[in-house]
Amino acid sequence: RRYVGEFREKELMPIAEMWEKQGKYPTQELYRKMGQAGILAARLGPGPWMKDLKAMGIPVVGHIPAEKYDYFHEWMVHQEIMKVGCPAFSGGLGDGLVIGLPPVMHFGKGELQKRVVKEVLTGEKRICLAISEPFAGSDVANLQTTAKKSPCGKFYIVNGAKKWITNGAFADYFVTAVRTGGKGMFGISMLLIPRCEGLKTTQIPVSYSSCAGTSYVTFEDVKVPVENLLGRQNQGFRIVMYNFNHERWGVNVF
C-alpha cells in the first residue's frame, strides 16, 4: 500500500485533477512509469506471469516475492490508485489493460503472446477489450461484428462496430469479440487486433471526463492474421465469460 501510495502522490496527484478537467488522455510516458514501477502488472492480480516480470525488468510492487502476491495485494493497488479522486483519470490508467490483457495471457499463443504481454506490461503499448456493440451491449451471444476468412486463408477480414470501449481512443491493441460462425454463442471468436488500416476510433461524450478514452470503434475490412486468434475458433464466448470473473471482481473493488 505504501509503495503504490508513494507513486500516486509523486506521479499522479500533481496532474490528476487538471487532466480530468481537460479530458486529457494519459501519456505514453506515464504508462511507461507505471510499467517500470510494476503497477500495470499488479493490477492483473496473481498468476504465473508474476514470475516472468523479473526477466522483463519489472518489479513486483512493494518488492513482494512473486509467489506470495495475491488478490489482497491487488485490491490494495486498485484502492490506492482510486484515491486520486478523479474517476475518469484513474480509469484511463489501465482499465482497458485490466480487462483486455488477460485473454491474451490465458489464450494467446507463442511469440505473439509473449511480445504483446511484455509490450503492455512495460507500458510501451496500450490495450482494451472490445465486446459491447451499438446493437448488443450485454447481449454478447448476439453480437454482429463479423470476421470472415480471406480467400488465401491467412487473414480474418473484420467488419462491424463496438461501443463504450474504455481506453479505446488511445489503445494500440483491441481484444475483440467477433462472429466467425452461425448465430448464438457458438459462433463467436476472440481476435487480437492491432490498430491498423480500416480501424477507426472516435471519442464518445460521456457523463464523466473524456480522459478515460471511452470510444466508438469501427472496423472496415480490417485484415487480421489468423495467428491472432485467441483460443479456438467459435469458442470465444467461453473466453468472454471466463474473463468476466476477474473483471466483475475488479468492479467490486472499484
C-alpha atoms as a PDB file:
ATOM      1  CA  ARG A   1       0.000   0.000   0.000  1.00  0.00           C
ATOM      2  CA  ARG A   2       2.817   2.403   0.877  1.00  0.00           C
ATOM      3  CA  TYR A   3       4.691   1.608  -2.349  1.00  0.00           C
ATOM      4  CA  VAL A   4       1.723   2.430  -4.611  1.00  0.00           C
ATOM      5  CA  GLY A   5       0.676   5.373  -2.428  1.00  0.00           C
ATOM      6  CA  GLU A   6       4.075   6.992  -2.823  1.00  0.00           C
ATOM      7  CA  PHE A   7       3.886   6.575  -6.605  1.00  0.00           C
ATOM      8  CA  ARG A   8       0.395   8.101  -6.597  1.00  0.00           C
ATOM      9  CA  GLU A   9       1.465  11.150  -4.606  1.00  0.00           C
ATOM     10  CA  LYS A  10       4.548  11.761  -6.742  1.00  0.00           C
ATOM     11  CA  GLU A  11       3.337  10.926 -10.259  1.00  0.00           C
ATOM     12  CA  LEU A  12      -0.480  11.121 -10.265  1.00  0.00           C
ATOM     13  CA  MET A  13      -1.788  13.664  -7.758  1.00  0.00           C
ATOM     14  CA  PRO A  14       0.000  16.689  -9.317  1.00  0.00           C
ATOM     15  CA  ILE A  15      -1.782  16.122 -12.657  1.00  0.00           C
ATOM     16  CA  ALA A  16      -4.972  14.161 -11.883  1.00  0.00           C
ATOM     17  CA  GLU A  17      -7.470  16.987 -11.329  1.00  0.00           C
ATOM     18  CA  MET A  18      -6.144  19.123 -14.174  1.00  0.00           C
ATOM     19  CA  TRP A  19      -6.190  16.261 -16.693  1.00  0.00           C
ATOM     20  CA  GLU A  20      -9.647  15.223 -15.503  1.00  0.00           C
ATOM     21  CA  LYS A  21     -10.975  18.718 -16.226  1.00  0.00           C
ATOM     22  CA  GLN A  22      -9.148  18.970 -19.550  1.00  0.00           C
ATOM     23  CA  GLY A  23     -10.145  15.480 -20.674  1.00  0.00           C
ATOM     24  CA  LYS A  24      -6.503  14.739 -21.450  1.00  0.00           C
ATOM     25  CA  TYR A  25      -5.564  11.151 -22.237  1.00  0.00           C
ATOM     26  CA  PRO A  26      -2.775   9.594 -20.141  1.00  0.00           C
ATOM     27  CA  THR A  27       0.539   9.930 -21.917  1.00  0.00           C
ATOM     28  CA  GLN A  28       2.794   7.136 -23.099  1.00  0.00           C
ATOM     29  CA  GLU A  29       5.415   8.403 -20.674  1.00  0.00           C
ATOM     30  CA  LEU A  30       3.037   7.984 -17.730  1.00  0.00           C
ATOM     31  CA  TYR A  31       2.197   4.438 -18.827  1.00  0.00           C
ATOM     32  CA  ARG A  32       5.913   3.623 -19.032  1.00  0.00           C
ATOM     33  CA  LYS A  33       6.435   4.918 -15.497  1.00  0.00           C
ATOM     34  CA  MET A  34       3.581   2.751 -14.251  1.00  0.00           C
ATOM     35  CA  GLY A  35       5.032  -0.206 -16.111  1.00  0.00           C
ATOM     36  CA  GLN A  36       8.535   0.317 -14.738  1.00  0.00           C
ATOM     37  CA  ALA A  37       7.095   0.589 -11.210  1.00  0.00           C
ATOM     38  CA  GLY A  38       5.242  -2.723 -11.624  1.00  0.00           C
ATOM     39  CA  ILE A  39       1.834  -1.106 -11.158  1.00  0.00           C
ATOM     40  CA  LEU A  40       0.395  -2.184 -14.512  1.00  0.00           C
ATOM     41  CA  ALA A  41       1.291  -5.815 -13.808  1.00  0.00           C
ATOM     42  CA  ALA A  42      -0.003  -5.549 -10.239  1.00  0.00           C
ATOM     43  CA  ARG A  43      -3.471  -4.578 -11.473  1.00  0.00           C
ATOM     44  CA  LEU A  44      -3.850  -8.031 -13.089  1.00  0.00           C
ATOM     45  CA  GLY A  45      -3.689  -9.935  -9.828  1.00  0.00           C
ATOM     46  CA  PRO A  46      -1.741 -13.118  -9.047  1.00  0.00           C
ATOM     47  CA  GLY A  47      -0.813 -15.601 -11.746  1.00  0.00           C
ATOM     48  CA  PRO A  48       2.046 -17.413 -13.475  1.00  0.00           C
ATOM     49  CA  TRP A  49       3.037 -14.196 -15.252  1.00  0.00           C
ATOM     50  CA  MET A  50       4.334 -12.745 -11.981  1.00  0.00           C
ATOM     51  CA  LYS A  51       7.414 -14.961 -12.165  1.00  0.00           C
ATOM     52  CA  ASP A  52       8.197 -13.561 -15.631  1.00  0.00           C
ATOM     53  CA  LEU A  53       8.321  -9.925 -14.530  1.00  0.00           C
ATOM     54  CA  LYS A  54      11.968 -10.005 -13.497  1.00  0.00           C
ATOM     55  CA  ALA A  55      13.031 -11.014 -17.000  1.00  0.00           C
ATOM     56  CA  MET A  56      11.072  -8.013 -18.331  1.00  0.00           C
ATOM     57  CA  GLY A  57      12.833  -5.674 -15.900  1.00  0.00           C
ATOM     58  CA  ILE A  58       9.613  -5.114 -13.936  1.00  0.00           C
ATOM     59  CA  PRO A  59       9.490  -5.314 -10.123  1.00  0.00           C
ATOM     60  CA  VAL A  60       6.631  -6.818  -8.141  1.00  0.00           C
ATOM     61  CA  VAL A  61       5.010  -3.900  -6.290  1.00  0.00           C
ATOM     62  CA  GLY A  62       6.335  -3.449  -2.771  1.00  0.00           C
ATOM     63  CA  HIS A  63       9.082  -5.962  -3.648  1.00  0.00           C
ATOM     64  CA  ILE A  64       6.757  -8.798  -2.616  1.00  0.00           C
ATOM     65  CA  PRO A  65       8.022 -12.246  -3.667  1.00  0.00           C
ATOM     66  CA  ALA A  66       6.204 -13.140  -6.894  1.00  0.00           C
ATOM     67  CA  GLU A  67       4.804 -16.382  -5.471  1.00  0.00           C
ATOM     68  CA  LYS A  68       3.292 -14.523  -2.490  1.00  0.00           C
ATOM     69  CA  TYR A  69       1.497 -11.807  -4.457  1.00  0.00           C
ATOM     70  CA  ASP A  70      -2.274 -12.388  -4.063  1.00  0.00           C
ATOM     71  CA  TYR A  71      -5.697 -10.798  -4.597  1.00  0.00           C
ATOM     72  CA  PHE A  72      -5.450  -8.887  -1.333  1.00  0.00           C
ATOM     73  CA  HIS A  73      -2.378  -7.098  -2.695  1.00  0.00           C
ATOM     74  CA  GLU A  74      -4.174  -6.401  -5.976  1.00  0.00           C
ATOM     75  CA  TRP A  75      -7.142  -4.995  -4.045  1.00  0.00           C
ATOM     76  CA  MET A  76      -4.821  -2.539  -2.290  1.00  0.00           C
ATOM     77  CA  VAL A  77      -3.231  -1.468  -5.586  1.00  0.00           C
ATOM     78  CA  HIS A  78      -6.632  -0.604  -7.095  1.00  0.00           C
ATOM     79  CA  GLN A  79      -7.666   1.250  -3.958  1.00  0.00           C
ATOM     80  CA  GLU A  80      -4.524   3.362  -3.859  1.00  0.00           C
ATOM     81  CA  ILE A  81      -4.950   4.387  -7.495  1.00  0.00           C
ATOM     82  CA  MET A  82      -8.598   5.294  -6.956  1.00  0.00           C
ATOM     83  CA  LYS A  83      -7.580   7.619  -4.127  1.00  0.00           C
ATOM     84  CA  VAL A  84      -6.681  10.260  -6.715  1.00  0.00           C
ATOM     85  CA  GLY A  85     -10.404  11.089  -6.571  1.00  0.00           C
ATOM     86  CA  CYS A  86     -10.760  11.534 -10.327  1.00  0.00           C
ATOM     87  CA  PRO A  87     -12.670   8.556 -11.776  1.00  0.00           C
ATOM     88  CA  ALA A  88     -12.036   9.140 -15.473  1.00  0.00           C
ATOM     89  CA  PHE A  89      -8.355   9.884 -14.898  1.00  0.00           C
ATOM     90  CA  SER A  90      -7.882   6.703 -12.887  1.00  0.00           C
ATOM     91  CA  GLY A  91      -9.947   4.811 -15.478  1.00  0.00           C
ATOM     92  CA  GLY A  92      -7.522   5.979 -18.130  1.00  0.00           C
ATOM     93  CA  LEU A  93      -4.623   4.458 -16.202  1.00  0.00           C
ATOM     94  CA  GLY A  94      -5.197   0.946 -17.411  1.00  0.00           C
ATOM     95  CA  ASP A  95      -8.834  -0.097 -17.024  1.00  0.00           C
ATOM     96  CA  GLY A  96      -8.544  -1.381 -20.583  1.00  0.00           C
ATOM     97  CA  LEU A  97      -5.480  -3.385 -19.593  1.00  0.00           C
ATOM     98  CA  VAL A  98      -7.196  -4.941 -16.571  1.00  0.00           C
ATOM     99  CA  ILE A  99      -9.934  -6.439 -18.743  1.00  0.00           C
ATOM    100  CA  GLY A 100      -8.159  -6.610 -22.111  1.00  0.00           C
ATOM    101  CA  LEU A 101      -4.818  -8.275 -21.415  1.00  0.00           C
ATOM    102  CA  PRO A 102      -5.983 -11.414 -19.520  1.00  0.00           C
ATOM    103  CA  PRO A 103      -7.469 -13.053 -22.660  1.00  0.00           C
ATOM    104  CA  VAL A 104      -4.070 -12.675 -24.325  1.00  0.00           C
ATOM    105  CA  MET A 105      -2.266 -14.049 -21.263  1.00  0.00           C
ATOM    106  CA  HIS A 106      -4.576 -17.043 -20.893  1.00  0.00           C
ATOM    107  CA  PHE A 107      -5.466 -17.850 -24.504  1.00  0.00           C
ATOM    108  CA  GLY A 108      -2.782 -16.238 -26.701  1.00  0.00           C
ATOM    109  CA  LYS A 109      -0.181 -18.377 -28.418  1.00  0.00           C
ATOM    110  CA  GLY A 110       3.591 -18.464 -28.843  1.00  0.00           C
ATOM    111  CA  GLU A 111       5.707 -15.444 -29.634  1.00  0.00           C
ATOM    112  CA  LEU A 112       2.699 -13.202 -30.262  1.00  0.00           C
ATOM    113  CA  GLN A 113       1.540 -13.724 -26.700  1.00  0.00           C
ATOM    114  CA  LYS A 114       4.997 -13.122 -25.216  1.00  0.00           C
ATOM    115  CA  ARG A 115       5.568  -9.957 -27.256  1.00  0.00           C
ATOM    116  CA  VAL A 116       2.207  -8.362 -26.577  1.00  0.00           C
ATOM    117  CA  VAL A 117       2.242  -9.153 -22.849  1.00  0.00           C
ATOM    118  CA  LYS A 118       5.687  -7.587 -22.472  1.00  0.00           C
ATOM    119  CA  GLU A 119       4.761  -4.519 -24.545  1.00  0.00           C
ATOM    120  CA  VAL A 120       1.655  -3.882 -22.461  1.00  0.00           C
ATOM    121  CA  LEU A 121       3.124  -4.589 -19.011  1.00  0.00           C
ATOM    122  CA  THR A 122       6.077  -2.284 -19.684  1.00  0.00           C
ATOM    123  CA  GLY A 123       3.743   0.483 -20.851  1.00  0.00           C
ATOM    124  CA  GLU A 124       5.092   0.549 -24.399  1.00  0.00           C
ATOM    125  CA  LYS A 125       1.654  -0.348 -25.794  1.00  0.00           C
ATOM    126  CA  ARG A 126      -1.923   0.099 -24.568  1.00  0.00           C
ATOM    127  CA  ILE A 127      -4.728  -2.445 -24.878  1.00  0.00           C
ATOM    128  CA  CYS A 128      -8.522  -2.557 -24.496  1.00  0.00           C
ATOM    129  CA  LEU A 129     -11.397  -5.029 -24.584  1.00  0.00           C
ATOM    130  CA  ALA A 130     -13.904  -4.579 -27.433  1.00  0.00           C
ATOM    131  CA  ILE A 131     -17.085  -6.585 -26.877  1.00  0.00           C
ATOM    132  CA  SER A 132     -20.115  -4.280 -26.469  1.00  0.00           C
ATOM    133  CA  GLU A 133     -21.821  -3.072 -29.632  1.00  0.00           C
ATOM    134  CA  PRO A 134     -24.425  -0.453 -30.539  1.00  0.00           C
ATOM    135  CA  PHE A 135     -26.763  -3.398 -31.186  1.00  0.00           C
ATOM    136  CA  ALA A 136     -25.646  -5.775 -28.426  1.00  0.00           C
ATOM    137  CA  GLY A 137     -24.475  -4.279 -25.146  1.00  0.00           C
ATOM    138  CA  SER A 138     -24.750  -7.026 -22.544  1.00  0.00           C
ATOM    139  CA  ASP A 139     -26.206  -9.489 -25.079  1.00  0.00           C
ATOM    140  CA  VAL A 140     -22.814 -10.889 -26.025  1.00  0.00           C
ATOM    141  CA  ALA A 141     -24.182 -14.040 -27.668  1.00  0.00           C
ATOM    142  CA  ASN A 142     -25.881 -11.951 -30.363  1.00  0.00           C
ATOM    143  CA  LEU A 143     -23.078  -9.594 -31.346  1.00  0.00           C
ATOM    144  CA  GLN A 144     -22.906  -8.669 -35.037  1.00  0.00           C
ATOM    145  CA  THR A 145     -19.291  -7.751 -35.827  1.00  0.00           C
ATOM    146  CA  THR A 146     -18.078 -10.328 -38.357  1.00  0.00           C
ATOM    147  CA  ALA A 147     -14.734 -11.920 -39.132  1.00  0.00           C
ATOM    148  CA  LYS A 148     -14.566 -13.931 -42.351  1.00  0.00           C
ATOM    149  CA  LYS A 149     -11.566 -15.841 -43.637  1.00  0.00           C
ATOM    150  CA  SER A 150      -9.832 -14.330 -46.666  1.00  0.00           C
ATOM    151  CA  PRO A 151      -9.640 -16.464 -49.849  1.00  0.00           C
ATOM    152  CA  CYS A 152      -5.985 -17.209 -49.087  1.00  0.00           C
ATOM    153  CA  GLY A 153      -6.899 -18.374 -45.588  1.00  0.00           C
ATOM    154  CA  LYS A 154      -4.198 -16.262 -43.945  1.00  0.00           C
ATOM    155  CA  PHE A 155      -6.409 -13.478 -42.589  1.00  0.00           C
ATOM    156  CA  TYR A 156      -9.716 -12.727 -40.939  1.00  0.00           C
ATOM    157  CA  ILE A 157     -11.499  -9.783 -42.560  1.00  0.00           C
ATOM    158  CA  VAL A 158     -13.306  -7.890 -39.800  1.00  0.00           C
ATOM    159  CA  ASN A 159     -16.306  -5.593 -40.288  1.00  0.00           C
ATOM    160  CA  GLY A 160     -18.571  -4.030 -37.690  1.00  0.00           C
ATOM    161  CA  ALA A 161     -18.625  -1.652 -34.739  1.00  0.00           C
ATOM    162  CA  LYS A 162     -18.029  -1.614 -30.987  1.00  0.00           C
ATOM    163  CA  LYS A 163     -19.244   0.986 -28.494  1.00  0.00           C
ATOM    164  CA  TRP A 164     -18.391   2.219 -24.975  1.00  0.00           C
ATOM    165  CA  ILE A 165     -14.854   0.827 -25.244  1.00  0.00           C
ATOM    166  CA  THR A 166     -12.808   2.082 -22.292  1.00  0.00           C
ATOM    167  CA  ASN A 167      -9.295   3.243 -23.287  1.00  0.00           C
ATOM    168  CA  GLY A 168     -10.153   2.526 -26.927  1.00  0.00           C
ATOM    169  CA  ALA A 169      -9.385   6.091 -28.013  1.00  0.00           C
ATOM    170  CA  PHE A 170      -5.673   5.606 -27.371  1.00  0.00           C
ATOM    171  CA  ALA A 171      -5.279   1.804 -27.416  1.00  0.00           C
ATOM    172  CA  ASP A 172      -2.774   0.036 -29.663  1.00  0.00           C
ATOM    173  CA  TYR A 173      -4.470  -3.359 -29.361  1.00  0.00           C
ATOM    174  CA  PHE A 174      -8.156  -4.333 -29.365  1.00  0.00           C
ATOM    175  CA  VAL A 175      -9.131  -7.715 -27.920  1.00  0.00           C
ATOM    176  CA  THR A 176     -12.276  -8.117 -29.977  1.00  0.00           C
ATOM    177  CA  ALA A 177     -15.247 -10.479 -29.928  1.00  0.00           C
ATOM    178  CA  VAL A 178     -16.333 -11.297 -33.486  1.00  0.00           C
ATOM    179  CA  ARG A 179     -18.755 -13.602 -35.232  1.00  0.00           C
ATOM    180  CA  THR A 180     -16.948 -16.305 -37.198  1.00  0.00           C
ATOM    181  CA  GLY A 181     -19.807 -18.817 -37.259  1.00  0.00           C
ATOM    182  CA  GLY A 182     -23.573 -19.029 -37.047  1.00  0.00           C
ATOM    183  CA  LYS A 183     -25.996 -17.360 -34.656  1.00  0.00           C
ATOM    184  CA  GLY A 184     -25.631 -17.505 -30.907  1.00  0.00           C
ATOM    185  CA  MET A 185     -22.790 -18.172 -28.517  1.00  0.00           C
ATOM    186  CA  PHE A 186     -21.154 -20.951 -30.522  1.00  0.00           C
ATOM    187  CA  GLY A 187     -20.391 -18.677 -33.470  1.00  0.00           C
ATOM    188  CA  ILE A 188     -18.155 -16.231 -31.572  1.00  0.00           C
ATOM    189  CA  SER A 189     -14.365 -15.971 -31.614  1.00  0.00           C
ATOM    190  CA  MET A 190     -11.841 -13.631 -29.978  1.00  0.00           C
ATOM    191  CA  LEU A 191      -9.220 -11.819 -32.015  1.00  0.00           C
ATOM    192  CA  LEU A 192      -6.276  -9.656 -31.012  1.00  0.00           C
ATOM    193  CA  ILE A 193      -6.480  -6.742 -33.454  1.00  0.00           C
ATOM    194  CA  PRO A 194      -3.718  -4.126 -33.631  1.00  0.00           C
ATOM    195  CA  ARG A 195      -4.554  -0.535 -34.534  1.00  0.00           C
ATOM    196  CA  CYS A 196      -4.231  -0.621 -38.294  1.00  0.00           C
ATOM    197  CA  GLU A 197      -5.769   0.430 -41.615  1.00  0.00           C
ATOM    198  CA  GLY A 198      -9.559   0.217 -41.538  1.00  0.00           C
ATOM    199  CA  LEU A 199      -9.796   0.508 -37.750  1.00  0.00           C
ATOM    200  CA  LYS A 200     -11.092   3.864 -36.527  1.00  0.00           C
ATOM    201  CA  THR A 201     -11.808   5.125 -33.013  1.00  0.00           C
ATOM    202  CA  THR A 202     -13.995   8.093 -32.067  1.00  0.00           C
ATOM    203  CA  GLN A 203     -14.298   9.582 -28.591  1.00  0.00           C
ATOM    204  CA  ILE A 204     -17.789   9.178 -27.114  1.00  0.00           C
ATOM    205  CA  PRO A 205     -19.186  12.031 -24.968  1.00  0.00           C
ATOM    206  CA  VAL A 206     -19.814  10.543 -21.521  1.00  0.00           C
ATOM    207  CA  SER A 207     -21.058  11.817 -18.176  1.00  0.00           C
ATOM    208  CA  TYR A 208     -17.561  11.927 -16.728  1.00  0.00           C
ATOM    209  CA  SER A 209     -14.319  13.190 -18.276  1.00  0.00           C
ATOM    210  CA  SER A 210     -13.088  12.006 -21.657  1.00  0.00           C
ATOM    211  CA  CYS A 211      -9.613  11.175 -20.319  1.00  0.00           C
ATOM    212  CA  ALA A 212     -10.632   7.511 -19.905  1.00  0.00           C
ATOM    213  CA  GLY A 213     -10.803   7.376 -23.696  1.00  0.00           C
ATOM    214  CA  THR A 214     -14.276   5.811 -23.950  1.00  0.00           C
ATOM    215  CA  SER A 215     -14.714   5.243 -27.667  1.00  0.00           C
ATOM    216  CA  TYR A 216     -16.738   4.062 -30.608  1.00  0.00           C
ATOM    217  CA  VAL A 217     -14.689   1.632 -32.721  1.00  0.00           C
ATOM    218  CA  THR A 218     -15.373   0.767 -36.344  1.00  0.00           C
ATOM    219  CA  PHE A 219     -13.813  -1.983 -38.436  1.00  0.00           C
ATOM    220  CA  GLU A 220     -13.923  -1.713 -42.221  1.00  0.00           C
ATOM    221  CA  ASP A 221     -12.315  -4.669 -43.996  1.00  0.00           C
ATOM    222  CA  VAL A 222      -9.637  -4.911 -41.311  1.00  0.00           C
ATOM    223  CA  LYS A 223      -7.119  -7.669 -42.120  1.00  0.00           C
ATOM    224  CA  VAL A 224      -6.114  -9.689 -39.054  1.00  0.00           C
ATOM    225  CA  PRO A 225      -3.609 -12.561 -39.292  1.00  0.00           C
ATOM    226  CA  VAL A 226      -5.164 -15.908 -38.346  1.00  0.00           C
ATOM    227  CA  GLU A 227      -2.363 -16.281 -35.783  1.00  0.00           C
ATOM    228  CA  ASN A 228      -4.106 -13.523 -33.783  1.00  0.00           C
ATOM    229  CA  LEU A 229      -6.982 -15.837 -32.896  1.00  0.00           C
ATOM    230  CA  LEU A 230      -7.239 -16.254 -29.118  1.00  0.00           C
ATOM    231  CA  GLY A 231      -8.196 -19.771 -28.130  1.00  0.00           C
ATOM    232  CA  ARG A 232     -10.165 -21.757 -30.701  1.00  0.00           C
ATOM    233  CA  GLN A 233     -12.450 -20.544 -33.478  1.00  0.00           C
ATOM    234  CA  ASN A 234     -16.110 -20.318 -32.453  1.00  0.00           C
ATOM    235  CA  GLN A 235     -15.142 -20.852 -28.792  1.00  0.00           C
ATOM    236  CA  GLY A 236     -14.742 -17.165 -27.946  1.00  0.00           C
ATOM    237  CA  PHE A 237     -17.897 -16.915 -25.838  1.00  0.00           C
ATOM    238  CA  ARG A 238     -16.199 -19.088 -23.228  1.00  0.00           C
ATOM    239  CA  ILE A 239     -13.259 -16.665 -23.155  1.00  0.00           C
ATOM    240  CA  VAL A 240     -15.621 -13.730 -22.623  1.00  0.00           C
ATOM    241  CA  MET A 241     -17.333 -15.485 -19.720  1.00  0.00           C
ATOM    242  CA  TYR A 242     -14.013 -16.572 -18.202  1.00  0.00           C
ATOM    243  CA  ASN A 243     -12.725 -13.033 -18.442  1.00  0.00           C
ATOM    244  CA  PHE A 244     -15.804 -11.622 -16.705  1.00  0.00           C
ATOM    245  CA  ASN A 245     -14.772 -13.315 -13.443  1.00  0.00           C
ATOM    246  CA  HIS A 246     -11.798 -11.047 -12.759  1.00  0.00           C
ATOM    247  CA  GLU A 247     -13.467  -8.086 -14.440  1.00  0.00           C
ATOM    248  CA  ARG A 248     -16.508  -8.236 -12.154  1.00  0.00           C
ATOM    249  CA  TRP A 249     -14.271  -8.728  -9.129  1.00  0.00           C
ATOM    250  CA  GLY A 250     -12.456  -5.567 -10.147  1.00  0.00           C
ATOM    251  CA  VAL A 251     -15.723  -3.633 -10.410  1.00  0.00           C
ATOM    252  CA  ASN A 252     -16.493  -4.559  -6.800  1.00  0.00           C
ATOM    253  CA  VAL A 253     -13.059  -3.325  -5.724  1.00  0.00           C
ATOM    254  CA  PHE A 254     -13.532  -0.005  -7.502  1.00  0.00           C
END
